[in-house]
């Protein structure tokens, strides 16, 4: 294929430009902070579906930790960094059920929790 293209003017330049443009977009996407790639709206939907039975998941919850029950999402947002949230959602413990969330779902939940800071 390379031999056949050598005789055509502009083909190599076009191939180079295509690769360059693709590379720029790929690097830009990879350098985005994780929450920008996640879907906070889907995270809220997941929270309502799986978490709302035990946690207060929206802004109506308390800022302080309550002595009984699991923390509200606002408390979690205020006390845990992104890595801690990811670790907790990846490896639930205590009374929290293992929801077997995908990485994408975990990213979406974290993005939603981050909106509550």
PDB file of N, CA and C in Angstrom:
ATOM      1  N   UNK A   1       0.832  -1.199   0.000  1.00  0.00           N
ATOM      2  CA  UNK A   1       0.000   0.000   0.000  1.00  0.00           C
ATOM      3  C   UNK A   1       0.864   1.245   0.000  1.00  0.00           C
ATOM      4  N   UNK A   2       1.955   1.227   0.803  1.00  0.00           N
ATOM      5  CA  UNK A   2       2.842   2.384   0.845  1.00  0.00           C
ATOM      6  C   UNK A   2       3.452   2.648  -0.515  1.00  0.00           C
ATOM      7  N   UNK A   3       3.815   1.581  -1.270  1.00  0.00           N
ATOM      8  CA  UNK A   3       4.383   1.728  -2.602  1.00  0.00           C
ATOM      9  C   UNK A   3       3.358   2.375  -3.532  1.00  0.00           C
ATOM     10  N   UNK A   4       2.112   1.961  -3.462  1.00  0.00           N
ATOM     11  CA  UNK A   4       1.087   2.477  -4.353  1.00  0.00           C
ATOM     12  C   UNK A   4       0.786   3.939  -4.078  1.00  0.00           C
ATOM     13  N   UNK A   5       0.933   4.374  -2.847  1.00  0.00           N
ATOM     14  CA  UNK A   5       0.609   5.751  -2.468  1.00  0.00           C
ATOM     15  C   UNK A   5       1.735   6.724  -2.780  1.00  0.00           C
ATOM     16  N   UNK A   6       2.952   6.225  -2.950  1.00  0.00           N
ATOM     17  CA  UNK A   6       4.096   7.120  -3.154  1.00  0.00           C
ATOM     18  C   UNK A   6       3.922   8.006  -4.383  1.00  0.00           C
ATOM     19  N   UNK A   7       3.305   7.507  -5.384  1.00  0.00           N
ATOM     20  CA  UNK A   7       3.166   8.273  -6.604  1.00  0.00           C
ATOM     21  C   UNK A   7       2.035   9.291  -6.557  1.00  0.00           C
ATOM     22  N   UNK A   8       1.162   9.199  -5.598  1.00  0.00           N
ATOM     23  CA  UNK A   8       0.014  10.107  -5.528  1.00  0.00           C
ATOM     24  C   UNK A   8       0.372  11.326  -4.679  1.00  0.00           C
ATOM     25  N   UNK A   9       0.303  12.528  -5.249  1.00  0.00           N
ATOM     26  CA  UNK A   9       0.654  13.716  -4.480  1.00  0.00           C
ATOM     27  C   UNK A   9      -0.359  13.985  -3.370  1.00  0.00           C
ATOM     28  N   UNK A  10       0.141  14.336  -2.229  1.00  0.00           N
ATOM     29  CA  UNK A  10      -0.713  14.734  -1.118  1.00  0.00           C
ATOM     30  C   UNK A  10      -1.238  13.610  -0.252  1.00  0.00           C
ATOM     31  N   UNK A  11      -1.094  12.346  -0.656  1.00  0.00           N
ATOM     32  CA  UNK A  11      -1.635  11.239   0.127  1.00  0.00           C
ATOM     33  C   UNK A  11      -0.898  11.111   1.452  1.00  0.00           C
ATOM     34  N   UNK A  12       0.442  11.193   1.414  1.00  0.00           N
ATOM     35  CA  UNK A  12       1.209  11.082   2.662  1.00  0.00           C
ATOM     36  C   UNK A  12       0.898  12.241   3.597  1.00  0.00           C
ATOM     37  N   UNK A  13       0.752  13.434   3.040  1.00  0.00           N
ATOM     38  CA  UNK A  13       0.423  14.608   3.856  1.00  0.00           C
ATOM     39  C   UNK A  13      -0.953  14.424   4.482  1.00  0.00           C
ATOM     40  N   UNK A  14      -1.914  13.917   3.708  1.00  0.00           N
ATOM     41  CA  UNK A  14      -3.256  13.702   4.229  1.00  0.00           C
ATOM     42  C   UNK A  14      -3.255  12.655   5.334  1.00  0.00           C
ATOM     43  N   UNK A  15      -2.504  11.591   5.150  1.00  0.00           N
ATOM     44  CA  UNK A  15      -2.409  10.561   6.183  1.00  0.00           C
ATOM     45  C   UNK A  15      -1.796  11.132   7.446  1.00  0.00           C
ATOM     46  N   UNK A  16      -0.735  11.946   7.290  1.00  0.00           N
ATOM     47  CA  UNK A  16      -0.091  12.558   8.451  1.00  0.00           C
ATOM     48  C   UNK A  16      -1.061  13.471   9.190  1.00  0.00           C
ATOM     49  N   UNK A  17      -1.802  14.277   8.436  1.00  0.00           N
ATOM     50  CA  UNK A  17      -2.762  15.198   9.070  1.00  0.00           C
ATOM     51  C   UNK A  17      -3.849  14.423   9.818  1.00  0.00           C
ATOM     52  N   UNK A  18      -4.329  13.347   9.230  1.00  0.00           N
ATOM     53  CA  UNK A  18      -5.360  12.530   9.867  1.00  0.00           C
ATOM     54  C   UNK A  18      -4.852  11.961  11.182  1.00  0.00           C
ATOM     55  N   UNK A  19      -3.650  11.427  11.160  1.00  0.00           N
ATOM     56  CA  UNK A  19      -3.060  10.861  12.378  1.00  0.00           C
ATOM     57  C   UNK A  19      -2.821  11.961  13.408  1.00  0.00           C
ATOM     58  N   UNK A  20      -2.345  13.117  12.971  1.00  0.00           N
ATOM     59  CA  UNK A  20      -2.075  14.218  13.891  1.00  0.00           C
ATOM     60  C   UNK A  20      -3.350  14.717  14.568  1.00  0.00           C
ATOM     61  N   UNK A  21      -4.403  14.909  13.779  1.00  0.00           N
ATOM     62  CA  UNK A  21      -5.680  15.389  14.345  1.00  0.00           C
ATOM     63  C   UNK A  21      -6.244  14.361  15.322  1.00  0.00           C
ATOM     64  N   UNK A  22      -6.236  13.105  14.937  1.00  0.00           N
ATOM     65  CA  UNK A  22      -6.724  12.053  15.837  1.00  0.00           C
ATOM     66  C   UNK A  22      -5.916  12.034  17.132  1.00  0.00           C
ATOM     67  N   UNK A  23      -4.604  12.156  17.027  1.00  0.00           N
ATOM     68  CA  UNK A  23      -3.740  12.126  18.217  1.00  0.00           C
ATOM     69  C   UNK A  23      -4.034  13.289  19.150  1.00  0.00           C
ATOM     70  N   UNK A  24      -4.257  14.466  18.585  1.00  0.00           N
ATOM     71  CA  UNK A  24      -4.560  15.637  19.415  1.00  0.00           C
ATOM     72  C   UNK A  24      -5.865  15.433  20.179  1.00  0.00           C
ATOM     73  N   UNK A  25      -6.888  14.935  19.505  1.00  0.00           N
ATOM     74  CA  UNK A  25      -8.167  14.682  20.175  1.00  0.00           C
ATOM     75  C   UNK A  25      -8.032  13.592  21.233  1.00  0.00           C
ATOM     76  N   UNK A  26      -7.284  12.543  20.931  1.00  0.00           N
ATOM     77  CA  UNK A  26      -7.112  11.444  21.891  1.00  0.00           C
ATOM     78  C   UNK A  26      -6.384  11.919  23.133  1.00  0.00           C
ATOM     79  N   UNK A  27      -5.320  12.684  22.965  1.00  0.00           N
ATOM     80  CA  UNK A  27      -4.569  13.190  24.117  1.00  0.00           C
ATOM     81  C   UNK A  27      -5.447  14.145  24.929  1.00  0.00           C
ATOM     82  N   UNK A  28      -6.185  15.012  24.257  1.00  0.00           N
ATOM     83  CA  UNK A  28      -7.076  15.927  24.973  1.00  0.00           C
ATOM     84  C   UNK A  28      -8.119  15.194  25.789  1.00  0.00           C
ATOM     85  N   UNK A  29      -8.677  14.150  25.221  1.00  0.00           N
ATOM     86  CA  UNK A  29      -9.679  13.364  25.951  1.00  0.00           C
ATOM     87  C   UNK A  29      -9.056  12.666  27.145  1.00  0.00           C
ATOM     88  N   UNK A  30      -7.876  12.101  26.969  1.00  0.00           N
ATOM     89  CA  UNK A  30      -7.222  11.382  28.063  1.00  0.00           C
ATOM     90  C   UNK A  30      -6.780  12.306  29.190  1.00  0.00           C
ATOM     91  N   UNK A  31      -6.500  13.559  28.879  1.00  0.00           N
ATOM     92  CA  UNK A  31      -6.041  14.494  29.900  1.00  0.00           C
ATOM     93  C   UNK A  31      -7.169  15.154  30.679  1.00  0.00           C
ATOM     94  N   UNK A  32      -8.406  14.908  30.281  1.00  0.00           N
ATOM     95  CA  UNK A  32      -9.530  15.472  31.021  1.00  0.00           C
ATOM     96  C   UNK A  32      -9.579  14.865  32.410  1.00  0.00           C
ATOM     97  N   UNK A  33      -9.902  15.669  33.425  1.00  0.00           N
ATOM     98  CA  UNK A  33     -10.132  15.075  34.747  1.00  0.00           C
ATOM     99  C   UNK A  33     -11.274  14.071  34.657  1.00  0.00           C
ATOM    100  N   UNK A  34     -11.193  13.016  35.427  1.00  0.00           N
ATOM    101  CA  UNK A  34     -12.166  11.928  35.352  1.00  0.00           C
ATOM    102  C   UNK A  34     -13.620  12.395  35.479  1.00  0.00           C
ATOM    103  N   UNK A  35     -13.944  13.288  36.433  1.00  0.00           N
ATOM    104  CA  UNK A  35     -15.349  13.680  36.551  1.00  0.00           C
ATOM    105  C   UNK A  35     -15.919  14.331  35.294  1.00  0.00           C
ATOM    106  N   UNK A  36     -15.067  14.938  34.447  1.00  0.00           N
ATOM    107  CA  UNK A  36     -15.586  15.540  33.230  1.00  0.00           C
ATOM    108  C   UNK A  36     -16.040  14.487  32.229  1.00  0.00           C
ATOM    109  N   UNK A  37     -15.455  13.308  32.293  1.00  0.00           N
ATOM    110  CA  UNK A  37     -15.847  12.244  31.379  1.00  0.00           C
ATOM    111  C   UNK A  37     -17.008  11.444  31.929  1.00  0.00           C
ATOM    112  N   UNK A  38     -17.251  11.534  33.207  1.00  0.00           N
ATOM    113  CA  UNK A  38     -18.331  10.782  33.835  1.00  0.00           C
ATOM    114  C   UNK A  38     -19.645  11.536  33.671  1.00  0.00           C
ATOM    115  N   UNK A  39     -20.738  10.836  33.891  1.00  0.00           N
ATOM    116  CA  UNK A  39     -22.073  11.385  33.715  1.00  0.00           C
ATOM    117  C   UNK A  39     -22.749  11.516  35.082  1.00  0.00           C
ATOM    118  N   UNK A  40     -22.734  12.731  35.632  1.00  0.00           N
ATOM    119  CA  UNK A  40     -23.320  12.960  36.955  1.00  0.00           C
ATOM    120  C   UNK A  40     -24.823  12.691  36.950  1.00  0.00           C
ATOM    121  N   UNK A  41     -25.492  12.949  35.842  1.00  0.00           N
ATOM    122  CA  UNK A  41     -26.931  12.662  35.748  1.00  0.00           C
ATOM    123  C   UNK A  41     -27.213  11.175  35.883  1.00  0.00           C
ATOM    124  N   UNK A  42     -26.392  10.375  35.237  1.00  0.00           N
ATOM    125  CA  UNK A  42     -26.541   8.926  35.387  1.00  0.00           C
ATOM    126  C   UNK A  42     -26.164   8.501  36.804  1.00  0.00           C
ATOM    127  N   UNK A  43     -25.174   9.165  37.395  1.00  0.00           N
ATOM    128  CA  UNK A  43     -24.806   8.873  38.779  1.00  0.00           C
ATOM    129  C   UNK A  43     -25.955   9.138  39.736  1.00  0.00           C
ATOM    130  N   UNK A  44     -26.676  10.223  39.507  1.00  0.00           N
ATOM    131  CA  UNK A  44     -27.847  10.515  40.347  1.00  0.00           C
ATOM    132  C   UNK A  44     -28.917   9.440  40.159  1.00  0.00           C
ATOM    133  N   UNK A  45     -29.120   9.023  38.914  1.00  0.00           N
ATOM    134  CA  UNK A  45     -30.108   7.963  38.649  1.00  0.00           C
ATOM    135  C   UNK A  45     -29.703   6.667  39.363  1.00  0.00           C
ATOM    136  N   UNK A  46     -28.425   6.313  39.301  1.00  0.00           N
ATOM    137  CA  UNK A  46     -27.945   5.120  39.998  1.00  0.00           C
ATOM    138  C   UNK A  46     -28.124   5.259  41.507  1.00  0.00           C
ATOM    139  N   UNK A  47     -27.842   6.452  42.030  1.00  0.00           N
ATOM    140  CA  UNK A  47     -27.983   6.691  43.464  1.00  0.00           C
ATOM    141  C   UNK A  47     -29.436   6.517  43.900  1.00  0.00           C
ATOM    142  N   UNK A  48     -30.348   7.041  43.104  1.00  0.00           N
ATOM    143  CA  UNK A  48     -31.771   6.895  43.437  1.00  0.00           C
ATOM    144  C   UNK A  48     -32.203   5.427  43.366  1.00  0.00           C
ATOM    145  N   UNK A  49     -31.640   4.703  42.405  1.00  0.00           N
ATOM    146  CA  UNK A  49     -32.008   3.302  42.223  1.00  0.00           C
ATOM    147  C   UNK A  49     -31.414   2.400  43.302  1.00  0.00           C
ATOM    148  N   UNK A  50     -30.123   2.590  43.628  1.00  0.00           N
ATOM    149  CA  UNK A  50     -29.428   1.630  44.487  1.00  0.00           C
ATOM    150  C   UNK A  50     -29.099   2.143  45.885  1.00  0.00           C
ATOM    151  N   UNK A  51     -29.008   3.444  46.076  1.00  0.00           N
ATOM    152  CA  UNK A  51     -28.461   3.976  47.328  1.00  0.00           C
ATOM    153  C   UNK A  51     -29.491   4.655  48.224  1.00  0.00           C
ATOM    154  N   UNK A  52     -30.575   5.146  47.630  1.00  0.00           N
ATOM    155  CA  UNK A  52     -31.528   5.985  48.373  1.00  0.00           C
ATOM    156  C   UNK A  52     -32.266   5.243  49.483  1.00  0.00           C
ATOM    157  N   UNK A  53     -32.290   3.924  49.454  1.00  0.00           N
ATOM    158  CA  UNK A  53     -32.960   3.183  50.525  1.00  0.00           C
ATOM    159  C   UNK A  53     -32.220   3.310  51.846  1.00  0.00           C
ATOM    160  N   UNK A  54     -30.915   3.570  51.795  1.00  0.00           N
ATOM    161  CA  UNK A  54     -30.120   3.648  53.030  1.00  0.00           C
ATOM    162  C   UNK A  54     -29.489   5.020  53.252  1.00  0.00           C
ATOM    163  N   UNK A  55     -29.151   5.726  52.172  1.00  0.00           N
ATOM    164  CA  UNK A  55     -28.455   7.013  52.264  1.00  0.00           C
ATOM    165  C   UNK A  55     -29.376   8.153  51.870  1.00  0.00           C
ATOM    166  N   UNK A  56     -29.135   9.336  52.458  1.00  0.00           N
ATOM    167  CA  UNK A  56     -29.716  10.563  51.933  1.00  0.00           C
ATOM    168  C   UNK A  56     -28.794  10.941  50.786  1.00  0.00           C
ATOM    169  N   UNK A  57     -29.317  11.020  49.573  1.00  0.00           N
ATOM    170  CA  UNK A  57     -28.466  11.160  48.402  1.00  0.00           C
ATOM    171  C   UNK A  57     -28.470  12.543  47.766  1.00  0.00           C
ATOM    172  N   UNK A  58     -29.243  13.483  48.293  1.00  0.00           N
ATOM    173  CA  UNK A  58     -29.297  14.792  47.651  1.00  0.00           C
ATOM    174  C   UNK A  58     -29.004  15.898  48.654  1.00  0.00           C
ATOM    175  N   UNK A  59     -29.241  17.120  48.256  1.00  0.00           N
ATOM    176  CA  UNK A  59     -28.905  18.282  49.094  1.00  0.00           C
ATOM    177  C   UNK A  59     -29.824  18.455  50.302  1.00  0.00           C
ATOM    178  N   UNK A  60     -30.832  17.635  50.434  1.00  0.00           N
ATOM    179  CA  UNK A  60     -31.726  17.768  51.574  1.00  0.00           C
ATOM    180  C   UNK A  60     -31.140  17.121  52.820  1.00  0.00           C
ATOM    181  N   UNK A  61     -30.065  16.378  52.682  1.00  0.00           N
ATOM    182  CA  UNK A  61     -29.469  15.665  53.805  1.00  0.00           C
ATOM    183  C   UNK A  61     -28.609  16.558  54.671  1.00  0.00           C
ATOM    184  N   UNK A  62     -28.190  16.039  55.802  1.00  0.00           N
ATOM    185  CA  UNK A  62     -27.390  16.809  56.760  1.00  0.00           C
ATOM    186  C   UNK A  62     -25.944  16.965  56.299  1.00  0.00           C
ATOM    187  N   UNK A  63     -25.278  18.001  56.841  1.00  0.00           N
ATOM    188  CA  UNK A  63     -23.851  18.203  56.599  1.00  0.00           C
ATOM    189  C   UNK A  63     -23.024  17.375  57.566  1.00  0.00           C
ATOM    190  N   UNK A  64     -23.551  17.081  58.722  1.00  0.00           N
ATOM    191  CA  UNK A  64     -22.810  16.354  59.752  1.00  0.00           C
ATOM    192  C   UNK A  64     -23.128  14.870  59.697  1.00  0.00           C
ATOM    193  N   UNK A  65     -22.206  14.075  60.210  1.00  0.00           N
ATOM    194  CA  UNK A  65     -22.440  12.641  60.282  1.00  0.00           C
ATOM    195  C   UNK A  65     -23.445  12.364  61.394  1.00  0.00           C
ATOM    196  N   UNK A  66     -24.420  11.558  61.110  1.00  0.00           N
ATOM    197  CA  UNK A  66     -25.401  11.184  62.115  1.00  0.00           C
ATOM    198  C   UNK A  66     -24.888   9.974  62.886  1.00  0.00           C
ATOM    199  N   UNK A  67     -25.212   9.851  64.154  1.00  0.00           N
ATOM    200  CA  UNK A  67     -24.716   8.710  64.925  1.00  0.00           C
ATOM    201  C   UNK A  67     -25.307   7.371  64.469  1.00  0.00           C
ATOM    202  N   UNK A  68     -26.448   7.375  63.834  1.00  0.00           N
ATOM    203  CA  UNK A  68     -27.054   6.133  63.376  1.00  0.00           C
ATOM    204  C   UNK A  68     -27.105   6.129  61.852  1.00  0.00           C
ATOM    205  N   UNK A  69     -26.993   4.980  61.279  1.00  0.00           N
ATOM    206  CA  UNK A  69     -27.141   4.842  59.837  1.00  0.00           C
ATOM    207  C   UNK A  69     -25.929   5.280  59.041  1.00  0.00           C
ATOM    208  N   UNK A  70     -25.977   5.018  57.746  1.00  0.00           N
ATOM    209  CA  UNK A  70     -24.864   5.380  56.873  1.00  0.00           C
ATOM    210  C   UNK A  70     -24.828   6.879  56.623  1.00  0.00           C
ATOM    211  N   UNK A  71     -23.677   7.401  56.230  1.00  0.00           N
ATOM    212  CA  UNK A  71     -23.571   8.848  55.996  1.00  0.00           C
ATOM    213  C   UNK A  71     -24.350   9.270  54.754  1.00  0.00           C
ATOM    214  N   UNK A  72     -24.786  10.521  54.770  1.00  0.00           N
ATOM    215  CA  UNK A  72     -25.424  11.079  53.582  1.00  0.00           C
ATOM    216  C   UNK A  72     -24.358  11.276  52.506  1.00  0.00           C
ATOM    217  N   UNK A  73     -24.779  11.428  51.273  1.00  0.00           N
ATOM    218  CA  UNK A  73     -23.825  11.670  50.197  1.00  0.00           C
ATOM    219  C   UNK A  73     -23.104  12.997  50.401  1.00  0.00           C
ATOM    220  N   UNK A  74     -23.778  13.986  51.014  1.00  0.00           N
ATOM    221  CA  UNK A  74     -23.125  15.275  51.294  1.00  0.00           C
ATOM    222  C   UNK A  74     -21.988  15.091  52.291  1.00  0.00           C
ATOM    223  N   UNK A  75     -22.198  14.262  53.282  1.00  0.00           N
ATOM    224  CA  UNK A  75     -21.136  13.991  54.258  1.00  0.00           C
ATOM    225  C   UNK A  75     -19.974  13.288  53.564  1.00  0.00           C
ATOM    226  N   UNK A  76     -20.293  12.293  52.749  1.00  0.00           N
ATOM    227  CA  UNK A  76     -19.251  11.578  52.015  1.00  0.00           C
ATOM    228  C   UNK A  76     -18.480  12.541  51.110  1.00  0.00           C
ATOM    229  N   UNK A  77     -19.193  13.419  50.427  1.00  0.00           N
ATOM    230  CA  UNK A  77     -18.538  14.388  49.535  1.00  0.00           C
ATOM    231  C   UNK A  77     -17.608  15.309  50.310  1.00  0.00           C
ATOM    232  N   UNK A  78     -18.000  15.656  51.529  1.00  0.00           N
ATOM    233  CA  UNK A  78     -17.200  16.567  52.332  1.00  0.00           C
ATOM    234  C   UNK A  78     -16.021  15.926  53.045  1.00  0.00           C
ATOM    235  N   UNK A  79     -16.044  14.618  53.197  1.00  0.00           N
ATOM    236  CA  UNK A  79     -15.013  13.944  53.982  1.00  0.00           C
ATOM    237  C   UNK A  79     -14.108  13.019  53.183  1.00  0.00           C
ATOM    238  N   UNK A  80     -14.503  12.621  51.990  1.00  0.00           N
ATOM    239  CA  UNK A  80     -13.714  11.668  51.209  1.00  0.00           C
ATOM    240  C   UNK A  80     -13.227  12.312  49.919  1.00  0.00           C
ATOM    241  N   UNK A  81     -11.967  12.041  49.564  1.00  0.00           N
ATOM    242  CA  UNK A  81     -11.472  12.527  48.282  1.00  0.00           C
ATOM    243  C   UNK A  81     -11.867  11.539  47.186  1.00  0.00           C
ATOM    244  N   UNK A  82     -11.515  11.860  45.942  1.00  0.00           N
ATOM    245  CA  UNK A  82     -11.927  11.008  44.815  1.00  0.00           C
ATOM    246  C   UNK A  82     -11.411   9.579  44.946  1.00  0.00           C
ATOM    247  N   UNK A  83     -10.168   9.432  45.364  1.00  0.00           N
ATOM    248  CA  UNK A  83      -9.595   8.095  45.520  1.00  0.00           C
ATOM    249  C   UNK A  83     -10.294   7.294  46.598  1.00  0.00           C
ATOM    250  N   UNK A  84     -10.628   7.943  47.699  1.00  0.00           N
ATOM    251  CA  UNK A  84     -11.329   7.257  48.785  1.00  0.00           C
ATOM    252  C   UNK A  84     -12.744   6.856  48.365  1.00  0.00           C
ATOM    253  N   UNK A  85     -13.428   7.745  47.641  1.00  0.00           N
ATOM    254  CA  UNK A  85     -14.759   7.391  47.137  1.00  0.00           C
ATOM    255  C   UNK A  85     -14.676   6.189  46.199  1.00  0.00           C
ATOM    256  N   UNK A  86     -13.688   6.222  45.301  1.00  0.00           N
ATOM    257  CA  UNK A  86     -13.522   5.121  44.351  1.00  0.00           C
ATOM    258  C   UNK A  86     -13.243   3.814  45.087  1.00  0.00           C
ATOM    259  N   UNK A  87     -12.351   3.847  46.072  1.00  0.00           N
ATOM    260  CA  UNK A  87     -12.028   2.633  46.827  1.00  0.00           C
ATOM    261  C   UNK A  87     -13.258   2.108  47.564  1.00  0.00           C
ATOM    262  N   UNK A  88     -14.017   2.999  48.163  1.00  0.00           N
ATOM    263  CA  UNK A  88     -15.197   2.573  48.905  1.00  0.00           C
ATOM    264  C   UNK A  88     -16.240   1.948  47.993  1.00  0.00           C
ATOM    265  N   UNK A  89     -16.465   2.559  46.835  1.00  0.00           N
ATOM    266  CA  UNK A  89     -17.473   2.028  45.910  1.00  0.00           C
ATOM    267  C   UNK A  89     -16.998   0.759  45.203  1.00  0.00           C
ATOM    268  N   UNK A  90     -15.695   0.616  45.054  1.00  0.00           N
ATOM    269  CA  UNK A  90     -15.143  -0.572  44.410  1.00  0.00           C
ATOM    270  C   UNK A  90     -15.165  -1.769  45.349  1.00  0.00           C
ATOM    271  N   UNK A  91     -14.902  -1.514  46.636  1.00  0.00           N
ATOM    272  CA  UNK A  91     -14.848  -2.582  47.637  1.00  0.00           C
ATOM    273  C   UNK A  91     -15.735  -2.213  48.824  1.00  0.00           C
ATOM    274  N   UNK A  92     -17.056  -2.333  48.669  1.00  0.00           N
ATOM    275  CA  UNK A  92     -17.958  -1.961  49.760  1.00  0.00           C
ATOM    276  C   UNK A  92     -17.705  -2.829  50.999  1.00  0.00           C
ATOM    277  N   UNK A  93     -18.023  -2.264  52.152  1.00  0.00           N
ATOM    278  CA  UNK A  93     -17.806  -3.007  53.391  1.00  0.00           C
ATOM    279  C   UNK A  93     -18.905  -2.662  54.392  1.00  0.00           C
ATOM    280  N   UNK A  94     -18.855  -3.311  55.510  1.00  0.00           N
ATOM    281  CA  UNK A  94     -19.882  -3.082  56.520  1.00  0.00           C
ATOM    282  C   UNK A  94     -21.226  -3.605  56.041  1.00  0.00           C
ATOM    283  N   UNK A  95     -22.260  -2.845  56.282  1.00  0.00           N
ATOM    284  CA  UNK A  95     -23.609  -3.241  55.894  1.00  0.00           C
ATOM    285  C   UNK A  95     -23.913  -2.947  54.432  1.00  0.00           C
ATOM    286  N   UNK A  96     -22.970  -2.306  53.728  1.00  0.00           N
ATOM    287  CA  UNK A  96     -23.222  -1.940  52.341  1.00  0.00           C
ATOM    288  C   UNK A  96     -23.179  -3.180  51.453  1.00  0.00           C
ATOM    289  N   UNK A  97     -24.235  -3.382  50.651  1.00  0.00           N
ATOM    290  CA  UNK A  97     -24.235  -4.552  49.757  1.00  0.00           C
ATOM    291  C   UNK A  97     -23.254  -4.363  48.618  1.00  0.00           C
ATOM    292  N   UNK A  98     -22.764  -5.460  48.082  1.00  0.00           N
ATOM    293  CA  UNK A  98     -21.893  -5.408  46.919  1.00  0.00           C
ATOM    294  C   UNK A  98     -22.779  -5.297  45.686  1.00  0.00           C
ATOM    295  N   UNK A  99     -22.794  -4.119  45.088  1.00  0.00           N
ATOM    296  CA  UNK A  99     -23.668  -3.867  43.937  1.00  0.00           C
ATOM    297  C   UNK A  99     -23.018  -4.275  42.623  1.00  0.00           C
ATOM    298  N   UNK A 100     -21.760  -4.680  42.662  1.00  0.00           N
ATOM    299  CA  UNK A 100     -21.020  -5.065  41.456  1.00  0.00           C
ATOM    300  C   UNK A 100     -21.123  -3.978  40.386  1.00  0.00           C
ATOM    301  N   UNK A 101     -20.793  -2.756  40.768  1.00  0.00           N
ATOM    302  CA  UNK A 101     -20.859  -1.630  39.843  1.00  0.00           C
ATOM    303  C   UNK A 101     -19.706  -1.692  38.847  1.00  0.00           C
ATOM    304  N   UNK A 102     -19.964  -1.273  37.624  1.00  0.00           N
ATOM    305  CA  UNK A 102     -18.907  -1.184  36.626  1.00  0.00           C
ATOM    306  C   UNK A 102     -18.062   0.056  36.908  1.00  0.00           C
ATOM    307  N   UNK A 103     -16.909   0.144  36.281  1.00  0.00           N
ATOM    308  CA  UNK A 103     -16.062   1.336  36.441  1.00  0.00           C
ATOM    309  C   UNK A 103     -16.795   2.587  36.005  1.00  0.00           C
ATOM    310  N   UNK A 104     -17.508   2.481  34.911  1.00  0.00           N
ATOM    311  CA  UNK A 104     -18.260   3.622  34.399  1.00  0.00           C
ATOM    312  C   UNK A 104     -19.335   4.063  35.394  1.00  0.00           C
ATOM    313  N   UNK A 105     -20.034   3.114  35.987  1.00  0.00           N
ATOM    314  CA  UNK A 105     -21.064   3.441  36.981  1.00  0.00           C
ATOM    315  C   UNK A 105     -20.435   4.068  38.223  1.00  0.00           C
ATOM    316  N   UNK A 106     -19.286   3.558  38.641  1.00  0.00           N
ATOM    317  CA  UNK A 106     -18.578   4.147  39.787  1.00  0.00           C
ATOM    318  C   UNK A 106     -18.167   5.574  39.459  1.00  0.00           C
ATOM    319  N   UNK A 107     -17.635   5.799  38.249  1.00  0.00           N
ATOM    320  CA  UNK A 107     -17.259   7.152  37.834  1.00  0.00           C
ATOM    321  C   UNK A 107     -18.471   8.071  37.836  1.00  0.00           C
ATOM    322  N   UNK A 108     -19.604   7.570  37.356  1.00  0.00           N
ATOM    323  CA  UNK A 108     -20.827   8.382  37.328  1.00  0.00           C
ATOM    324  C   UNK A 108     -21.309   8.712  38.744  1.00  0.00           C
ATOM    325  N   UNK A 109     -21.270   7.744  39.640  1.00  0.00           N
ATOM    326  CA  UNK A 109     -21.660   7.997  41.033  1.00  0.00           C
ATOM    327  C   UNK A 109     -20.734   9.019  41.680  1.00  0.00           C
ATOM    328  N   UNK A 110     -19.444   8.883  41.451  1.00  0.00           N
ATOM    329  CA  UNK A 110     -18.487   9.842  42.006  1.00  0.00           C
ATOM    330  C   UNK A 110     -18.749  11.221  41.450  1.00  0.00           C
ATOM    331  N   UNK A 111     -19.011  11.322  40.148  1.00  0.00           N
ATOM    332  CA  UNK A 111     -19.308  12.618  39.542  1.00  0.00           C
ATOM    333  C   UNK A 111     -20.543  13.238  40.199  1.00  0.00           C
ATOM    334  N   UNK A 112     -21.553  12.426  40.467  1.00  0.00           N
ATOM    335  CA  UNK A 112     -22.744  12.943  41.147  1.00  0.00           C
ATOM    336  C   UNK A 112     -22.417  13.387  42.567  1.00  0.00           C
ATOM    337  N   UNK A 113     -21.705  12.565  43.308  1.00  0.00           N
ATOM    338  CA  UNK A 113     -21.351  12.918  44.685  1.00  0.00           C
ATOM    339  C   UNK A 113     -20.535  14.202  44.711  1.00  0.00           C
ATOM    340  N   UNK A 114     -19.667  14.383  43.730  1.00  0.00           N
ATOM    341  CA  UNK A 114     -18.865  15.604  43.648  1.00  0.00           C
ATOM    342  C   UNK A 114     -19.728  16.849  43.472  1.00  0.00           C
ATOM    343  N   UNK A 115     -20.903  16.718  42.867  1.00  0.00           N
ATOM    344  CA  UNK A 115     -21.789  17.882  42.709  1.00  0.00           C
ATOM    345  C   UNK A 115     -22.350  18.343  44.049  1.00  0.00           C
ATOM    346  N   UNK A 116     -22.237  17.515  45.067  1.00  0.00           N
ATOM    347  CA  UNK A 116     -22.810  17.843  46.376  1.00  0.00           C
ATOM    348  C   UNK A 116     -21.806  18.524  47.303  1.00  0.00           C
ATOM    349  N   UNK A 117     -20.590  18.740  46.848  1.00  0.00           N
ATOM    350  CA  UNK A 117     -19.562  19.426  47.676  1.00  0.00           C
ATOM    351  C   UNK A 117     -19.952  20.844  47.933  1.00  0.00           C
TER     352      UNK A 117
END
